[in-house]
Amino acid sequence: MSVSVVRKSDNASWNFVKDGFSDGDFYVNEGGYGSAAAVIFKPNGITTNAGDSYDVTVTLGDFATVNYTVNFFDLDSPEGSTSGSDNGGSTDNGSTDTGSGSGNTGGSDGSSDADGSSDNTGSASGSDDDNNVNSNDNENSNAVSSVTRFTENVISVNWASVADTVASGLQSDDANIRMSVGTNYTVPASLTNSFRNTDKALMLDSGNGLSISIQGVDIKKATADLNIGLSFGSAIPSDVKDSLTSRSVFVQEFSMTDKAALPFKVDVHVSVGAENAGKTAKLYYYDESRSMLRLAGTWIVTKSGQAMFAITRGDEYIVVVDDGSVAKGTESYTIVAGDCLSAIAKKNGVSLNDILQLNPRIADSNKIHAGRVIVLP
C-alpha cells in the first residue's frame, strides 16, 4: 500500500509507504489510528489555502490504483469555492481532510466535517478531465518535473523529548524511530551516542519530501553534534549543471549550511515522484575547485517514488532522474530481525548476486541490519 500526494501549483510531493518511509503520518487498517478499511495520511509541513489543488494516487500493490483530486475553497466566501467540483475538500487546522474526519489527508469512509461539508473523495476517480490525475496537461512529457519542489521548514524541536522517544524505541522491536524536525536543526551527540552500534535508525523528516536518516550501525564512536541546515536551490553555476539537467525528467538542488565532513555517514531520502519508478536517480556534489559535478551515488527509484543516497559531508548537491528506460529494481524491502540476504533472494525468486548488484552499499552479504531498506529486482 502506498499513497502519493502532489500539489499542482508547484509539484511539491509527499509519499507514504506502508511498512516503509513516509513523509508524514500514515495509518492503514487501524494501524495506530482510524478504523478498519481506512487509509489515513497526513503530510508533514503542509499548509493549505483556498484555491490549492492536490492530486492523490492510492496504490494497492499491482491490484488497484485510485486517483482523485482534492480542491480547497473558502466556505465563507462564494468566490473562493470551486463550482461543480466533485472532489471537494476543506481546510481544517492547516491539514487536508478527504474523508477521514480527523484532519488528515486521505481516507475514504464518507464522513463529514462539523460544518456539514462533505469530504468524501474516495470515489473521485474517473471524474471530469480537468480534475483527473491521469489527464495529460503537459504537452512535453519529457519536461523536467521541477527544480524547486521543496521549501524550507523550520520547526522548534524539543530534543529532550526526542531522546525520550529514542530511549523507548530502543526497548521496542521497531527498527525505525521517526521524528519531524524541519530543515534546520542540531542533533545532540548525546542522542546519537545513545543508539550507536545498534540496529535502530532515526528518521528525521524535514516535512517536504527530503529527509535525513541516521543508522545506528554507522555511528562507530563518540561524536560531535550533527548540524543539519538544508536550503533548497544551490550555488552550482548554470554552465556546470545545464548539460545534466537538460536531459533529466526530475531535478532538485539543495545545499547544506556547513560545508564540512559530517561526524558519521547519513542517508538522504528524496521523493522524486512515483512516475519515475524504475528509473535511475543520481546524486552529484559540486567540486568548486575544479568547477565540475562529481557523482556521489545512484539509486533505482522505488514504486513509491523514493530515492536514497549516503553522504559524508555537507555540500552543494543536485539530484536528477535520467530520462532513460525503466530499469530493474523497482521494489523496496525493509530488512527485519532474523532476515538474511540469501533467504530474501529465494523468497523473491532472484539471485543473491542480483540483490548485491542493485545495493552497492552492502559491503558484506553476511552482515545486514534490521531497518535497512534495500532494492529488489
Protein backbone atom coordinates (compact mmCIF):
# COMPACT_ATOMS: atom_id res chain seq x y z
CA MET A 1 0.00 0.00 0.00
CA SER A 2 1.36 3.40 -0.99
CA VAL A 3 -0.02 6.92 -1.40
CA SER A 4 1.34 9.85 -3.40
CA VAL A 5 0.17 13.45 -2.87
CA VAL A 6 1.24 16.15 -5.34
CA ARG A 7 0.39 19.85 -5.04
CA LYS A 8 -0.50 21.10 -8.52
CA SER A 9 0.77 24.66 -8.06
CA ASP A 10 4.44 23.74 -7.54
CA ASN A 11 4.63 19.91 -7.85
CA ALA A 12 5.63 19.58 -4.19
CA SER A 13 5.07 15.94 -3.30
CA TRP A 14 4.59 13.72 -0.26
CA ASN A 15 4.85 9.94 -0.40
CA PHE A 16 3.62 7.33 2.06
CA VAL A 17 4.58 3.66 2.10
CA LYS A 18 3.10 1.02 4.40
CA ASP A 19 5.94 -0.55 6.41
CA GLY A 20 8.37 1.88 4.74
CA PHE A 21 9.49 5.52 4.76
CA SER A 22 6.69 8.13 4.70
CA ASP A 23 6.59 11.92 4.53
CA GLY A 24 4.21 12.20 7.48
CA ASP A 25 1.71 10.15 9.48
CA PHE A 26 0.35 7.06 7.70
CA TYR A 27 -2.22 4.65 9.12
CA VAL A 28 -3.76 1.65 7.34
CA ASN A 29 -6.49 -0.65 8.69
CA GLU A 30 -6.37 0.64 12.26
CA GLY A 31 -2.59 0.69 12.11
CA GLY A 32 -2.28 3.08 15.05
CA TYR A 33 -5.34 5.22 14.30
CA GLY A 34 -8.67 5.14 12.46
CA SER A 35 -10.98 2.25 11.67
CA ALA A 36 -10.81 -0.97 9.68
CA ALA A 37 -10.52 -0.45 5.91
CA ALA A 38 -9.49 3.19 6.43
CA VAL A 39 -6.37 4.77 4.97
CA ILE A 40 -5.27 7.97 6.73
CA PHE A 41 -2.27 10.04 5.71
CA LYS A 42 -1.17 13.46 6.90
CA PRO A 43 1.72 15.16 5.09
CA ASN A 44 4.38 16.80 7.23
CA GLY A 45 4.72 20.57 6.99
CA ILE A 46 1.69 21.06 4.75
CA THR A 47 -0.20 24.37 4.71
CA THR A 48 -3.33 24.90 2.66
CA ASN A 49 -5.12 27.90 1.19
CA ALA A 50 -8.28 28.49 -0.81
CA GLY A 51 -7.55 27.61 -4.44
CA ASP A 52 -4.97 24.92 -3.66
CA SER A 53 -5.36 21.65 -5.53
CA TYR A 54 -3.74 18.27 -4.82
CA ASP A 55 -3.56 15.12 -6.94
CA VAL A 56 -3.74 11.94 -4.85
CA THR A 57 -2.82 8.43 -6.03
CA VAL A 58 -3.54 5.41 -3.81
CA THR A 59 -1.90 2.16 -4.93
CA LEU A 60 -2.53 -1.31 -3.55
CA GLY A 61 0.32 -3.38 -4.94
CA ASP A 62 -0.34 -4.44 -8.51
CA PHE A 63 -4.06 -4.89 -7.90
CA ALA A 64 -5.68 -1.46 -7.87
CA THR A 65 -4.97 2.25 -8.19
CA VAL A 66 -7.32 5.07 -7.18
CA ASN A 67 -6.72 8.60 -8.48
CA TYR A 68 -8.54 11.70 -7.28
CA THR A 69 -8.06 15.42 -6.81
CA VAL A 70 -8.65 17.48 -3.65
CA ASN A 71 -9.57 21.15 -4.14
CA PHE A 72 -9.59 23.70 -1.29
CA PHE A 73 -12.03 26.56 -1.06
CA ASP A 74 -13.19 29.16 1.45
CA LEU A 75 -16.59 28.21 2.86
CA ASP A 76 -17.15 31.81 3.99
CA SER A 77 -16.70 33.24 0.51
CA PRO A 78 -18.69 32.01 -2.50
CA GLU A 79 -15.95 33.45 -4.69
CA GLY A 80 -13.47 31.05 -3.12
CA SER A 81 -15.46 27.91 -3.87
CA THR A 82 -14.98 25.63 -6.82
CA SER A 83 -18.27 25.39 -8.66
CA GLY A 84 -19.27 21.95 -9.81
CA SER A 85 -16.27 20.22 -8.25
CA ASP A 86 -16.82 16.58 -7.41
CA ASN A 87 -13.66 16.45 -5.34
CA GLY A 88 -14.45 18.90 -2.58
CA GLY A 89 -12.04 19.40 0.27
CA SER A 90 -11.78 21.88 3.09
CA THR A 91 -9.14 23.47 5.25
CA ASP A 92 -9.14 22.05 8.77
CA ASN A 93 -6.42 23.37 11.10
CA GLY A 94 -3.95 23.55 8.25
CA SER A 95 -4.28 19.91 7.22
CA THR A 96 -6.09 18.23 4.36
CA ASP A 97 -9.25 16.27 5.14
CA THR A 98 -10.60 13.98 2.46
CA GLY A 99 -12.99 11.82 4.36
CA SER A 100 -11.20 10.55 7.43
CA GLY A 101 -12.97 13.04 9.68
CA SER A 102 -9.72 13.56 11.58
CA GLY A 103 -7.99 16.43 9.83
CA ASN A 104 -5.73 14.17 7.79
CA THR A 105 -5.12 13.99 4.06
CA GLY A 106 -6.63 10.70 2.99
CA GLY A 107 -9.29 8.26 3.99
CA SER A 108 -12.49 7.40 2.18
CA ASP A 109 -15.05 6.45 4.80
CA GLY A 110 -17.50 9.11 3.66
CA SER A 111 -17.66 11.08 6.91
CA SER A 112 -18.40 14.81 7.02
CA ASP A 113 -16.87 17.77 8.80
CA ALA A 114 -18.69 19.53 11.59
CA ASP A 115 -19.69 22.32 9.21
CA GLY A 116 -21.66 19.81 7.15
CA SER A 117 -19.47 19.93 4.06
CA SER A 118 -18.91 16.52 2.55
CA ASP A 119 -15.31 15.39 2.18
CA ASN A 120 -15.94 12.02 0.58
CA THR A 121 -13.45 11.95 -2.28
CA GLY A 122 -12.59 8.26 -2.21
CA SER A 123 -14.67 7.56 -5.32
CA ALA A 124 -13.49 10.55 -7.33
CA SER A 125 -11.51 8.57 -9.91
CA GLY A 126 -12.98 8.85 -13.34
CA SER A 127 -14.14 12.41 -12.73
CA ASP A 128 -14.06 15.21 -15.28
CA ASP A 129 -10.91 15.65 -17.33
CA ASP A 130 -9.82 18.82 -15.57
CA ASN A 131 -9.61 17.00 -12.23
CA ASN A 132 -8.43 13.59 -13.36
CA VAL A 133 -4.86 12.90 -12.36
CA ASN A 134 -4.49 10.72 -15.43
CA SER A 135 -5.13 13.59 -17.82
CA ASN A 136 -2.07 14.92 -19.60
CA ASP A 137 -1.86 18.68 -19.14
CA ASN A 138 1.82 18.79 -20.04
CA GLU A 139 2.42 18.99 -23.76
CA ASN A 140 6.04 17.96 -23.33
CA SER A 141 6.10 14.68 -21.41
CA ASN A 142 9.90 14.83 -21.23
CA ALA A 143 10.00 18.17 -19.46
CA VAL A 144 11.82 18.43 -16.15
CA SER A 145 9.38 17.70 -13.31
CA SER A 146 10.61 20.52 -11.09
CA VAL A 147 13.63 22.42 -9.93
CA THR A 148 12.01 23.94 -6.84
CA ARG A 149 9.89 21.13 -5.42
CA PHE A 150 10.70 21.65 -1.75
CA THR A 151 10.67 24.56 0.67
CA GLU A 152 12.48 25.27 3.91
CA ASN A 153 10.58 24.22 7.01
CA VAL A 154 11.75 25.46 10.42
CA ILE A 155 10.45 23.56 13.46
CA SER A 156 11.28 24.13 17.14
CA VAL A 157 12.49 20.71 18.27
CA ASN A 158 12.43 19.55 21.91
CA TRP A 159 15.46 17.28 21.80
CA ALA A 160 14.88 16.07 25.36
CA SER A 161 11.54 14.71 24.19
CA VAL A 162 13.22 13.16 21.14
CA ALA A 163 15.75 11.49 23.46
CA ASP A 164 12.87 10.00 25.46
CA THR A 165 11.30 8.68 22.26
CA VAL A 166 14.60 7.15 21.16
CA ALA A 167 15.06 5.56 24.59
CA SER A 168 11.62 3.99 24.30
CA GLY A 169 12.38 2.88 20.76
CA LEU A 170 15.49 1.08 21.92
CA GLN A 171 13.28 -1.14 24.06
CA SER A 172 10.86 -1.96 21.22
CA ASP A 173 11.04 -4.17 18.16
CA ASP A 174 10.58 -1.22 15.81
CA ALA A 175 13.69 -0.63 13.72
CA ASN A 176 12.86 2.96 12.77
CA ILE A 177 12.27 5.90 15.09
CA ARG A 178 10.69 8.75 13.11
CA MET A 179 10.61 12.42 14.15
CA SER A 180 9.58 15.65 12.41
CA VAL A 181 12.39 18.19 12.76
CA GLY A 182 12.21 20.55 9.76
CA THR A 183 15.16 21.58 7.63
CA ASN A 184 17.47 23.27 10.16
CA TYR A 185 18.48 21.50 13.35
CA THR A 186 21.32 20.20 15.51
CA VAL A 187 21.19 16.61 16.72
CA PRO A 188 22.99 16.41 20.10
CA ALA A 189 25.90 13.97 20.27
CA SER A 190 24.39 12.52 23.44
CA LEU A 191 21.35 11.47 21.42
CA THR A 192 23.22 9.79 18.56
CA ASN A 193 25.54 8.08 21.01
CA SER A 194 22.52 6.58 22.76
CA PHE A 195 21.79 4.27 19.81
CA ARG A 196 25.21 3.89 18.14
CA ASN A 197 26.18 0.38 17.08
CA THR A 198 22.52 -0.72 17.25
CA ASP A 199 20.14 -1.81 14.51
CA LYS A 200 17.96 1.27 15.10
CA ALA A 201 17.53 4.12 12.64
CA LEU A 202 16.50 7.68 13.49
CA MET A 203 14.43 9.13 10.63
CA LEU A 204 14.47 12.95 10.64
CA ASP A 205 11.62 14.23 8.49
CA SER A 206 12.04 17.69 7.01
CA GLY A 207 8.37 17.72 6.08
CA ASN A 208 8.79 18.42 2.38
CA GLY A 209 9.99 15.31 0.60
CA LEU A 210 13.67 15.47 1.54
CA SER A 211 14.74 13.91 4.83
CA ILE A 212 17.76 12.55 6.68
CA SER A 213 18.14 9.20 8.41
CA ILE A 214 20.85 8.11 10.83
CA GLN A 215 21.65 4.40 11.12
CA GLY A 216 22.98 3.27 14.48
CA VAL A 217 25.42 0.90 12.74
CA ASP A 218 27.02 3.91 11.01
CA ILE A 219 27.92 5.58 14.33
CA LYS A 220 31.17 3.91 15.29
CA LYS A 221 32.38 6.11 18.16
CA ALA A 222 31.51 9.10 20.32
CA THR A 223 30.85 12.03 18.02
CA ALA A 224 30.22 15.73 17.92
CA ASP A 225 26.79 17.24 17.39
CA LEU A 226 25.32 16.74 13.92
CA ASN A 227 24.47 20.13 12.40
CA ILE A 228 21.96 19.99 9.55
CA GLY A 229 20.97 23.11 7.66
CA LEU A 230 19.14 22.35 4.43
CA SER A 231 18.24 25.02 1.92
CA PHE A 232 16.71 24.40 -1.46
CA GLY A 233 18.49 25.61 -4.52
CA SER A 234 22.26 25.67 -4.71
CA ALA A 235 25.29 27.70 -5.73
CA ILE A 236 26.08 25.37 -8.65
CA PRO A 237 26.71 27.55 -11.73
CA SER A 238 24.29 27.13 -14.62
CA ASP A 239 27.05 26.35 -17.11
CA VAL A 240 28.14 23.43 -14.91
CA LYS A 241 24.72 21.82 -14.47
CA ASP A 242 22.83 22.71 -17.64
CA SER A 243 24.11 19.78 -19.71
CA LEU A 244 22.99 17.44 -16.91
CA THR A 245 19.56 18.94 -16.22
CA SER A 246 18.63 19.31 -19.87
CA ARG A 247 18.28 15.54 -20.25
CA SER A 248 16.63 14.86 -16.90
CA VAL A 249 12.95 14.40 -16.02
CA PHE A 250 13.47 15.42 -12.39
CA VAL A 251 15.87 17.94 -10.87
CA GLN A 252 16.23 19.01 -7.26
CA GLU A 253 19.08 21.10 -5.91
CA PHE A 254 19.82 21.50 -2.22
CA SER A 255 22.70 22.77 -0.17
CA MET A 256 23.90 22.20 3.38
CA THR A 257 24.97 25.11 5.53
CA ASP A 258 28.12 23.50 6.93
CA LYS A 259 30.48 22.59 4.07
CA ALA A 260 32.47 20.12 6.14
CA ALA A 261 32.76 16.44 6.97
CA LEU A 262 29.82 15.03 8.94
CA PRO A 263 30.62 13.16 12.17
CA PHE A 264 29.25 9.98 10.57
CA LYS A 265 27.56 8.83 7.39
CA VAL A 266 23.89 9.75 6.96
CA ASP A 267 21.30 8.83 4.34
CA VAL A 268 19.39 11.43 2.35
CA HIS A 269 15.88 10.39 1.27
CA VAL A 270 14.38 12.23 -1.70
CA SER A 271 10.85 11.95 -3.10
CA VAL A 272 11.34 12.08 -6.86
CA GLY A 273 7.82 11.02 -7.90
CA ALA A 274 6.14 7.67 -8.43
CA GLU A 275 6.02 8.45 -12.16
CA ASN A 276 9.82 7.90 -12.16
CA ALA A 277 9.67 4.42 -10.61
CA GLY A 278 12.31 2.12 -12.07
CA LYS A 279 14.43 4.94 -13.43
CA THR A 280 17.88 5.83 -12.15
CA ALA A 281 18.22 8.71 -9.71
CA LYS A 282 21.70 10.22 -9.30
CA LEU A 283 23.17 12.49 -6.65
CA TYR A 284 26.03 14.84 -7.58
CA TYR A 285 28.04 17.26 -5.47
CA TYR A 286 29.76 20.39 -6.73
CA ASP A 287 33.57 20.32 -6.78
CA GLU A 288 34.21 24.06 -6.65
CA SER A 289 37.99 23.74 -7.02
CA ARG A 290 37.53 22.14 -10.46
CA SER A 291 34.17 23.71 -11.28
CA MET A 292 32.60 20.33 -12.02
CA LEU A 293 29.96 17.94 -10.72
CA ARG A 294 31.05 14.65 -9.18
CA LEU A 295 28.80 11.61 -8.82
CA ALA A 296 28.05 10.83 -5.16
CA GLY A 297 25.60 7.97 -5.56
CA THR A 298 22.87 6.27 -7.61
CA TRP A 299 19.55 4.66 -6.69
CA ILE A 300 16.85 2.81 -8.62
CA VAL A 301 13.65 4.73 -7.85
CA THR A 302 11.13 2.60 -5.97
CA LYS A 303 7.47 2.23 -6.94
CA SER A 304 6.54 4.88 -4.38
CA GLY A 305 8.98 7.35 -5.98
CA GLN A 306 11.71 7.24 -3.33
CA ALA A 307 15.48 7.51 -3.77
CA MET A 308 18.15 7.28 -1.07
CA PHE A 309 21.81 8.31 -1.03
CA ALA A 310 24.58 8.10 1.55
CA ILE A 311 26.57 11.28 2.20
CA THR A 312 29.53 12.02 4.45
CA ARG A 313 29.85 15.80 4.20
CA GLY A 314 27.86 18.98 3.79
CA ASP A 315 27.99 20.35 0.25
CA GLU A 316 26.13 21.74 -2.74
CA TYR A 317 24.07 18.87 -4.16
CA ILE A 318 21.85 18.16 -7.13
CA VAL A 319 19.55 15.15 -7.62
CA VAL A 320 18.48 14.19 -11.14
CA VAL A 321 16.48 11.37 -12.65
CA ASP A 322 17.58 10.29 -16.12
CA ASP A 323 15.03 10.15 -18.90
CA GLY A 324 16.01 6.57 -19.58
CA SER A 325 14.21 3.27 -19.82
CA VAL A 326 12.83 1.68 -16.69
CA ALA A 327 15.47 -0.44 -15.02
CA LYS A 328 15.27 -3.48 -12.83
CA GLY A 329 14.83 -2.94 -9.15
CA THR A 330 11.61 -1.06 -8.53
CA GLU A 331 10.61 -2.85 -5.33
CA SER A 332 11.89 -1.80 -1.92
CA TYR A 333 12.16 -4.13 1.07
CA THR A 334 12.78 -3.26 4.70
CA ILE A 335 15.01 -5.79 6.47
CA VAL A 336 13.54 -7.23 9.66
CA ALA A 337 15.17 -9.11 12.55
CA GLY A 338 16.09 -12.64 11.51
CA ASP A 339 16.43 -11.88 7.79
CA CYS A 340 19.36 -12.99 5.67
CA LEU A 341 20.01 -11.95 2.10
CA SER A 342 20.02 -15.48 0.69
CA ALA A 343 16.56 -16.14 2.19
CA ILE A 344 15.25 -12.81 0.89
CA ALA A 345 16.59 -13.66 -2.58
CA LYS A 346 15.00 -17.13 -2.55
CA LYS A 347 11.65 -15.78 -1.32
CA ASN A 348 11.54 -13.25 -4.16
CA GLY A 349 12.79 -15.60 -6.87
CA VAL A 350 16.02 -13.74 -7.57
CA SER A 351 19.70 -14.44 -7.05
CA LEU A 352 21.83 -13.12 -4.21
CA ASN A 353 24.13 -11.55 -6.80
CA ASP A 354 21.18 -9.62 -8.30
CA ILE A 355 20.45 -8.07 -4.90
CA LEU A 356 24.09 -7.19 -4.28
CA GLN A 357 24.42 -5.51 -7.68
CA LEU A 358 21.38 -3.33 -7.01
CA ASN A 359 22.55 -2.45 -3.48
CA PRO A 360 26.22 -1.45 -3.68
CA ARG A 361 26.11 -0.11 -0.09
CA ILE A 362 26.01 -3.69 1.22
CA ALA A 363 29.68 -4.35 1.90
CA ASP A 364 29.22 -7.81 3.44
CA SER A 365 26.27 -10.01 2.45
CA ASN A 366 26.52 -11.77 5.82
CA LYS A 367 26.08 -8.55 7.78
CA ILE A 368 22.74 -6.82 7.28
CA HIS A 369 20.76 -4.86 9.84
CA ALA A 370 17.06 -4.65 10.61
CA GLY A 371 15.51 -1.40 9.45
CA ARG A 372 17.72 -1.01 6.39
CA VAL A 373 15.85 -0.57 3.09
CA ILE A 374 17.14 -2.48 0.09
CA VAL A 375 16.05 -2.62 -3.57
CA LEU A 376 14.84 -5.88 -5.11
CA PRO A 377 14.79 -6.81 -8.81
